[in-house]
PDB file of N, CA and C in Angstrom:
ATOM      1  N   GLY A   1      79.386 -38.854 198.371  1.00  0.00           N
ATOM      2  CA  GLY A   1      78.480 -39.205 199.423  1.00  0.00           C
ATOM      3  C   GLY A   1      78.901 -40.505 200.076  1.00  0.00           C
ATOM      4  N   ARG A   2      78.464 -40.682 201.281  1.00  0.00           N
ATOM      5  CA  ARG A   2      78.745 -41.903 202.040  1.00  0.00           C
ATOM      6  C   ARG A   2      77.439 -42.656 202.256  1.00  0.00           C
ATOM      7  N   VAL A   3      77.463 -43.948 201.913  1.00  0.00           N
ATOM      8  CA  VAL A   3      76.302 -44.801 202.155  1.00  0.00           C
ATOM      9  C   VAL A   3      76.770 -45.942 203.055  1.00  0.00           C
ATOM     10  N   VAL A   4      76.135 -46.074 204.203  1.00  0.00           N
ATOM     11  CA  VAL A   4      76.444 -47.140 205.147  1.00  0.00           C
ATOM     12  C   VAL A   4      75.304 -48.147 205.079  1.00  0.00           C
ATOM     13  N   VAL A   5      75.659 -49.403 204.787  1.00  0.00           N
ATOM     14  CA  VAL A   5      74.658 -50.451 204.656  1.00  0.00           C
ATOM     15  C   VAL A   5      74.815 -51.424 205.820  1.00  0.00           C
ATOM     16  N   SER A   6      73.742 -51.621 206.570  1.00  0.00           N
ATOM     17  CA  SER A   6      73.734 -52.637 207.623  1.00  0.00           C
ATOM     18  C   SER A   6      73.446 -53.976 206.958  1.00  0.00           C
ATOM     19  N   ILE A   7      74.219 -54.997 207.356  1.00  0.00           N
ATOM     20  CA  ILE A   7      74.067 -56.311 206.734  1.00  0.00           C
ATOM     21  C   ILE A   7      73.902 -57.395 207.794  1.00  0.00           C
ATOM     22  N   THR A   8      73.233 -58.477 207.386  1.00  0.00           N
ATOM     23  CA  THR A   8      73.167 -59.698 208.170  1.00  0.00           C
ATOM     24  C   THR A   8      73.735 -60.795 207.298  1.00  0.00           C
ATOM     25  N   VAL A   9      74.711 -61.542 207.844  1.00  0.00           N
ATOM     26  CA  VAL A   9      75.412 -62.588 207.103  1.00  0.00           C
ATOM     27  C   VAL A   9      75.129 -63.937 207.770  1.00  0.00           C
ATOM     28  N   ASN A  10      74.755 -64.932 206.958  1.00  0.00           N
ATOM     29  CA  ASN A  10      74.495 -66.263 207.508  1.00  0.00           C
ATOM     30  C   ASN A  10      75.805 -67.017 207.701  1.00  0.00           C
ATOM     31  N   PRO A  11      75.791 -68.168 208.383  1.00  0.00           N
ATOM     32  CA  PRO A  11      77.036 -68.907 208.630  1.00  0.00           C
ATOM     33  C   PRO A  11      77.767 -69.340 207.353  1.00  0.00           C
ATOM     34  N   GLY A  12      77.054 -69.422 206.235  1.00  0.00           N
ATOM     35  CA  GLY A  12      77.684 -69.788 204.978  1.00  0.00           C
ATOM     36  C   GLY A  12      78.427 -68.644 204.312  1.00  0.00           C
ATOM     37  N   GLY A  13      78.319 -67.433 204.870  1.00  0.00           N
ATOM     38  CA  GLY A  13      79.025 -66.280 204.332  1.00  0.00           C
ATOM     39  C   GLY A  13      78.224 -65.446 203.352  1.00  0.00           C
ATOM     40  N   PHE A  14      76.930 -65.739 203.225  1.00  0.00           N
ATOM     41  CA  PHE A  14      76.076 -65.002 202.296  1.00  0.00           C
ATOM     42  C   PHE A  14      75.285 -63.924 203.022  1.00  0.00           C
ATOM     43  N   VAL A  15      75.170 -62.762 202.400  1.00  0.00           N
ATOM     44  CA  VAL A  15      74.382 -61.668 202.959  1.00  0.00           C
ATOM     45  C   VAL A  15      72.904 -62.009 202.762  1.00  0.00           C
ATOM     46  N   VAL A  16      72.157 -62.058 203.863  1.00  0.00           N
ATOM     47  CA  VAL A  16      70.751 -62.440 203.810  1.00  0.00           C
ATOM     48  C   VAL A  16      69.805 -61.266 204.052  1.00  0.00           C
ATOM     49  N   ALA A  17      70.334 -60.130 204.512  1.00  0.00           N
ATOM     50  CA  ALA A  17      69.487 -58.951 204.731  1.00  0.00           C
ATOM     51  C   ALA A  17      70.350 -57.694 204.667  1.00  0.00           C
ATOM     52  N   THR A  18      69.769 -56.632 204.117  1.00  0.00           N
ATOM     53  CA  THR A  18      70.449 -55.335 204.056  1.00  0.00           C
ATOM     54  C   THR A  18      69.465 -54.222 204.383  1.00  0.00           C
ATOM     55  N   SER A  19      69.995 -53.131 204.875  1.00  0.00           N
ATOM     56  CA  SER A  19      69.196 -51.921 205.067  1.00  0.00           C
ATOM     57  C   SER A  19      70.154 -50.736 205.098  1.00  0.00           C
ATOM     58  N   ILE A  20      69.636 -49.571 204.745  1.00  0.00           N
ATOM     59  CA  ILE A  20      70.437 -48.349 204.774  1.00  0.00           C
ATOM     60  C   ILE A  20      70.546 -47.883 206.219  1.00  0.00           C
ATOM     61  N   ASN A  21      71.771 -47.703 206.681  1.00  0.00           N
ATOM     62  CA  ASN A  21      72.048 -47.288 208.052  1.00  0.00           C
ATOM     63  C   ASN A  21      71.852 -45.787 208.190  1.00  0.00           C
ATOM     64  N   ARG A  22      71.514 -45.346 209.388  1.00  0.00           N
ATOM     65  CA  ARG A  22      71.259 -43.915 209.635  1.00  0.00           C
ATOM     66  C   ARG A  22      72.505 -43.051 209.507  1.00  0.00           C
ATOM     67  N   LEU A  23      73.699 -43.664 209.471  1.00  0.00           N
ATOM     68  CA  LEU A  23      74.937 -42.902 209.314  1.00  0.00           C
ATOM     69  C   LEU A  23      75.175 -42.457 207.872  1.00  0.00           C
ATOM     70  N   THR A  24      74.310 -42.877 206.956  1.00  0.00           N
ATOM     71  CA  THR A  24      74.402 -42.467 205.559  1.00  0.00           C
ATOM     72  C   THR A  24      74.190 -40.961 205.463  1.00  0.00           C
ATOM     73  N   ASN A  25      75.010 -40.296 204.629  1.00  0.00           N
ATOM     74  CA  ASN A  25      74.895 -38.834 204.534  1.00  0.00           C
ATOM     75  C   ASN A  25      74.397 -38.357 203.175  1.00  0.00           C
ATOM     76  N   THR A  26      73.794 -39.249 202.376  1.00  0.00           N
ATOM     77  CA  THR A  26      73.229 -38.825 201.101  1.00  0.00           C
ATOM     78  C   THR A  26      71.796 -39.335 200.978  1.00  0.00           C
ATOM     79  N   VAL A  27      70.950 -38.540 200.333  1.00  0.00           N
ATOM     80  CA  VAL A  27      69.576 -38.959 200.105  1.00  0.00           C
ATOM     81  C   VAL A  27      69.373 -39.437 198.668  1.00  0.00           C
ATOM     82  N   ASN A  28      70.453 -39.434 197.877  1.00  0.00           N
ATOM     83  CA  ASN A  28      70.368 -39.824 196.473  1.00  0.00           C
ATOM     84  C   ASN A  28      69.941 -41.297 196.367  1.00  0.00           C
ATOM     85  N   PRO A  29      68.772 -41.562 195.779  1.00  0.00           N
ATOM     86  CA  PRO A  29      68.282 -42.939 195.713  1.00  0.00           C
ATOM     87  C   PRO A  29      69.137 -43.854 194.838  1.00  0.00           C
ATOM     88  N   ALA A  30      69.789 -43.319 193.811  1.00  0.00           N
ATOM     89  CA  ALA A  30      70.629 -44.144 192.939  1.00  0.00           C
ATOM     90  C   ALA A  30      71.871 -44.636 193.697  1.00  0.00           C
ATOM     91  N   LEU A  31      72.473 -43.756 194.503  1.00  0.00           N
ATOM     92  CA  LEU A  31      73.640 -44.157 195.289  1.00  0.00           C
ATOM     93  C   LEU A  31      73.255 -45.169 196.362  1.00  0.00           C
ATOM     94  N   ARG A  32      72.120 -44.938 196.993  1.00  0.00           N
ATOM     95  CA  ARG A  32      71.647 -45.870 198.024  1.00  0.00           C
ATOM     96  C   ARG A  32      71.388 -47.250 197.427  1.00  0.00           C
ATOM     97  N   LYS A  33      70.751 -47.286 196.270  1.00  0.00           N
ATOM     98  CA  LYS A  33      70.448 -48.567 195.630  1.00  0.00           C
ATOM     99  C   LYS A  33      71.729 -49.267 195.189  1.00  0.00           C
ATOM    100  N   ALA A  34      72.679 -48.519 194.618  1.00  0.00           N
ATOM    101  CA  ALA A  34      73.945 -49.113 194.178  1.00  0.00           C
ATOM    102  C   ALA A  34      74.696 -49.729 195.354  1.00  0.00           C
ATOM    103  N   ALA A  35      74.720 -49.041 196.478  1.00  0.00           N
ATOM    104  CA  ALA A  35      75.413 -49.550 197.658  1.00  0.00           C
ATOM    105  C   ALA A  35      74.716 -50.791 198.201  1.00  0.00           C
ATOM    106  N   GLU A  36      73.402 -50.753 198.271  1.00  0.00           N
ATOM    107  CA  GLU A  36      72.660 -51.905 198.794  1.00  0.00           C
ATOM    108  C   GLU A  36      72.793 -53.115 197.870  1.00  0.00           C
ATOM    109  N   ASP A  37      72.761 -52.885 196.552  1.00  0.00           N
ATOM    110  CA  ASP A  37      72.949 -53.977 195.593  1.00  0.00           C
ATOM    111  C   ASP A  37      74.345 -54.591 195.723  1.00  0.00           C
ATOM    112  N   ALA A  38      75.365 -53.752 195.886  1.00  0.00           N
ATOM    113  CA  ALA A  38      76.737 -54.257 196.048  1.00  0.00           C
ATOM    114  C   ALA A  38      76.864 -55.054 197.343  1.00  0.00           C
ATOM    115  N   ALA A  39      76.238 -54.581 198.406  1.00  0.00           N
ATOM    116  CA  ALA A  39      76.309 -55.288 199.687  1.00  0.00           C
ATOM    117  C   ALA A  39      75.660 -56.670 199.587  1.00  0.00           C
ATOM    118  N   LYS A  40      74.575 -56.768 198.831  1.00  0.00           N
ATOM    119  CA  LYS A  40      73.893 -58.057 198.670  1.00  0.00           C
ATOM    120  C   LYS A  40      74.767 -59.074 197.940  1.00  0.00           C
ATOM    121  N   LYS A  41      75.699 -58.594 197.117  1.00  0.00           N
ATOM    122  CA  LYS A  41      76.587 -59.481 196.357  1.00  0.00           C
ATOM    123  C   LYS A  41      77.853 -59.848 197.131  1.00  0.00           C
ATOM    124  N   ALA A  42      78.101 -59.194 198.255  1.00  0.00           N
ATOM    125  CA  ALA A  42      79.314 -59.462 199.040  1.00  0.00           C
ATOM    126  C   ALA A  42      79.283 -60.884 199.584  1.00  0.00           C
ATOM    127  N   ARG A  43      80.452 -61.494 199.666  1.00  0.00           N
ATOM    128  CA  ARG A  43      80.580 -62.847 200.220  1.00  0.00           C
ATOM    129  C   ARG A  43      81.660 -62.822 201.297  1.00  0.00           C
ATOM    130  N   PHE A  44      81.437 -63.593 202.337  1.00  0.00           N
ATOM    131  CA  PHE A  44      82.357 -63.645 203.464  1.00  0.00           C
ATOM    132  C   PHE A  44      82.751 -65.085 203.733  1.00  0.00           C
ATOM    133  N   ASN A  45      83.783 -65.277 204.529  1.00  0.00           N
ATOM    134  CA  ASN A  45      84.209 -66.624 204.895  1.00  0.00           C
ATOM    135  C   ASN A  45      83.109 -67.323 205.681  1.00  0.00           C
ATOM    136  N   ALA A  46      82.921 -68.604 205.400  1.00  0.00           N
ATOM    137  CA  ALA A  46      81.958 -69.400 206.158  1.00  0.00           C
ATOM    138  C   ALA A  46      82.505 -69.619 207.568  1.00  0.00           C
ATOM    139  N   VAL A  47      81.596 -69.669 208.531  1.00  0.00           N
ATOM    140  CA  VAL A  47      81.979 -69.935 209.920  1.00  0.00           C
ATOM    141  C   VAL A  47      81.118 -71.067 210.460  1.00  0.00           C
ATOM    142  N   GLU A  48      81.666 -71.801 211.380  1.00  0.00           N
ATOM    143  CA  GLU A  48      80.884 -72.865 211.996  1.00  0.00           C
ATOM    144  C   GLU A  48      79.926 -72.262 213.007  1.00  0.00           C
ATOM    145  N   GLY A  49      78.741 -72.819 213.071  1.00  0.00           N
ATOM    146  CA  GLY A  49      77.744 -72.320 214.007  1.00  0.00           C
ATOM    147  C   GLY A  49      76.438 -72.078 213.288  1.00  0.00           C
ATOM    148  N   LEU A  50      75.436 -71.735 214.057  1.00  0.00           N
ATOM    149  CA  LEU A  50      74.106 -71.572 213.497  1.00  0.00           C
ATOM    150  C   LEU A  50      73.611 -70.136 213.512  1.00  0.00           C
ATOM    151  N   ASN A  51      74.395 -69.232 214.058  1.00  0.00           N
ATOM    152  CA  ASN A  51      73.920 -67.860 214.226  1.00  0.00           C
ATOM    153  C   ASN A  51      74.335 -66.957 213.078  1.00  0.00           C
ATOM    154  N   ASN A  52      73.420 -66.076 212.695  1.00  0.00           N
ATOM    155  CA  ASN A  52      73.751 -65.025 211.738  1.00  0.00           C
ATOM    156  C   ASN A  52      74.596 -63.974 212.446  1.00  0.00           C
ATOM    157  N   GLN A  53      75.383 -63.237 211.668  1.00  0.00           N
ATOM    158  CA  GLN A  53      76.182 -62.160 212.215  1.00  0.00           C
ATOM    159  C   GLN A  53      75.766 -60.860 211.542  1.00  0.00           C
ATOM    160  N   THR A  54      75.908 -59.753 212.253  1.00  0.00           N
ATOM    161  CA  THR A  54      75.535 -58.450 211.704  1.00  0.00           C
ATOM    162  C   THR A  54      76.745 -57.539 211.659  1.00  0.00           C
ATOM    163  N   GLY A  55      76.665 -56.547 210.796  1.00  0.00           N
ATOM    164  CA  GLY A  55      77.735 -55.561 210.678  1.00  0.00           C
ATOM    165  C   GLY A  55      77.339 -54.495 209.686  1.00  0.00           C
ATOM    166  N   THR A  56      78.299 -53.697 209.267  1.00  0.00           N
ATOM    167  CA  THR A  56      78.042 -52.644 208.283  1.00  0.00           C
ATOM    168  C   THR A  56      79.139 -52.657 207.225  1.00  0.00           C
ATOM    169  N   ILE A  57      78.773 -52.165 206.054  1.00  0.00           N
ATOM    170  CA  ILE A  57      79.732 -51.896 204.977  1.00  0.00           C
ATOM    171  C   ILE A  57      79.537 -50.437 204.593  1.00  0.00           C
ATOM    172  N   THR A  58      80.621 -49.685 204.497  1.00  0.00           N
ATOM    173  CA  THR A  58      80.544 -48.279 204.115  1.00  0.00           C
ATOM    174  C   THR A  58      81.066 -48.098 202.707  1.00  0.00           C
ATOM    175  N   TYR A  59      80.275 -47.451 201.867  1.00  0.00           N
ATOM    176  CA  TYR A  59      80.667 -47.147 200.485  1.00  0.00           C
ATOM    177  C   TYR A  59      80.792 -45.636 200.358  1.00  0.00           C
ATOM    178  N   TYR A  60      81.876 -45.197 199.709  1.00  0.00           N
ATOM    179  CA  TYR A  60      82.096 -43.778 199.445  1.00  0.00           C
ATOM    180  C   TYR A  60      81.985 -43.546 197.945  1.00  0.00           C
ATOM    181  N   PHE A  61      81.174 -42.565 197.561  1.00  0.00           N
ATOM    182  CA  PHE A  61      80.996 -42.222 196.153  1.00  0.00           C
ATOM    183  C   PHE A  61      81.557 -40.830 195.919  1.00  0.00           C
ATOM    184  N   ASN A  62      82.345 -40.683 194.836  1.00  0.00           N
ATOM    185  CA  ASN A  62      82.908 -39.385 194.450  1.00  0.00           C
ATOM    186  C   ASN A  62      82.472 -39.040 193.040  1.00  0.00           C
ATOM    187  N   LEU A  63      82.042 -37.800 192.847  1.00  0.00           N
ATOM    188  CA  LEU A  63      81.684 -37.348 191.503  1.00  0.00           C
ATOM    189  C   LEU A  63      82.946 -37.039 190.722  1.00  0.00           C
ATOM    190  N   ARG A  64      82.951 -37.421 189.452  1.00  0.00           N
ATOM    191  CA  ARG A  64      84.102 -37.129 188.596  1.00  0.00           C
ATOM    192  C   ARG A  64      83.643 -36.464 187.334  1.00  0.00           C
TER     193      ARG A  64
END
């Protein structure tokens, strides 16, 4: 399954908000939670300025 997480990142590089994007193709709550939890732990380079930035992270899950 594919889980797309929309994120908001502050100037310090920390994820301050997450939500499941409509491009997600699975309804499995465990996969959605795992993706959102991983996105919250992501860290990015700090940038100068006062504005938050938005984007998405896509996670692909395969059954084995």
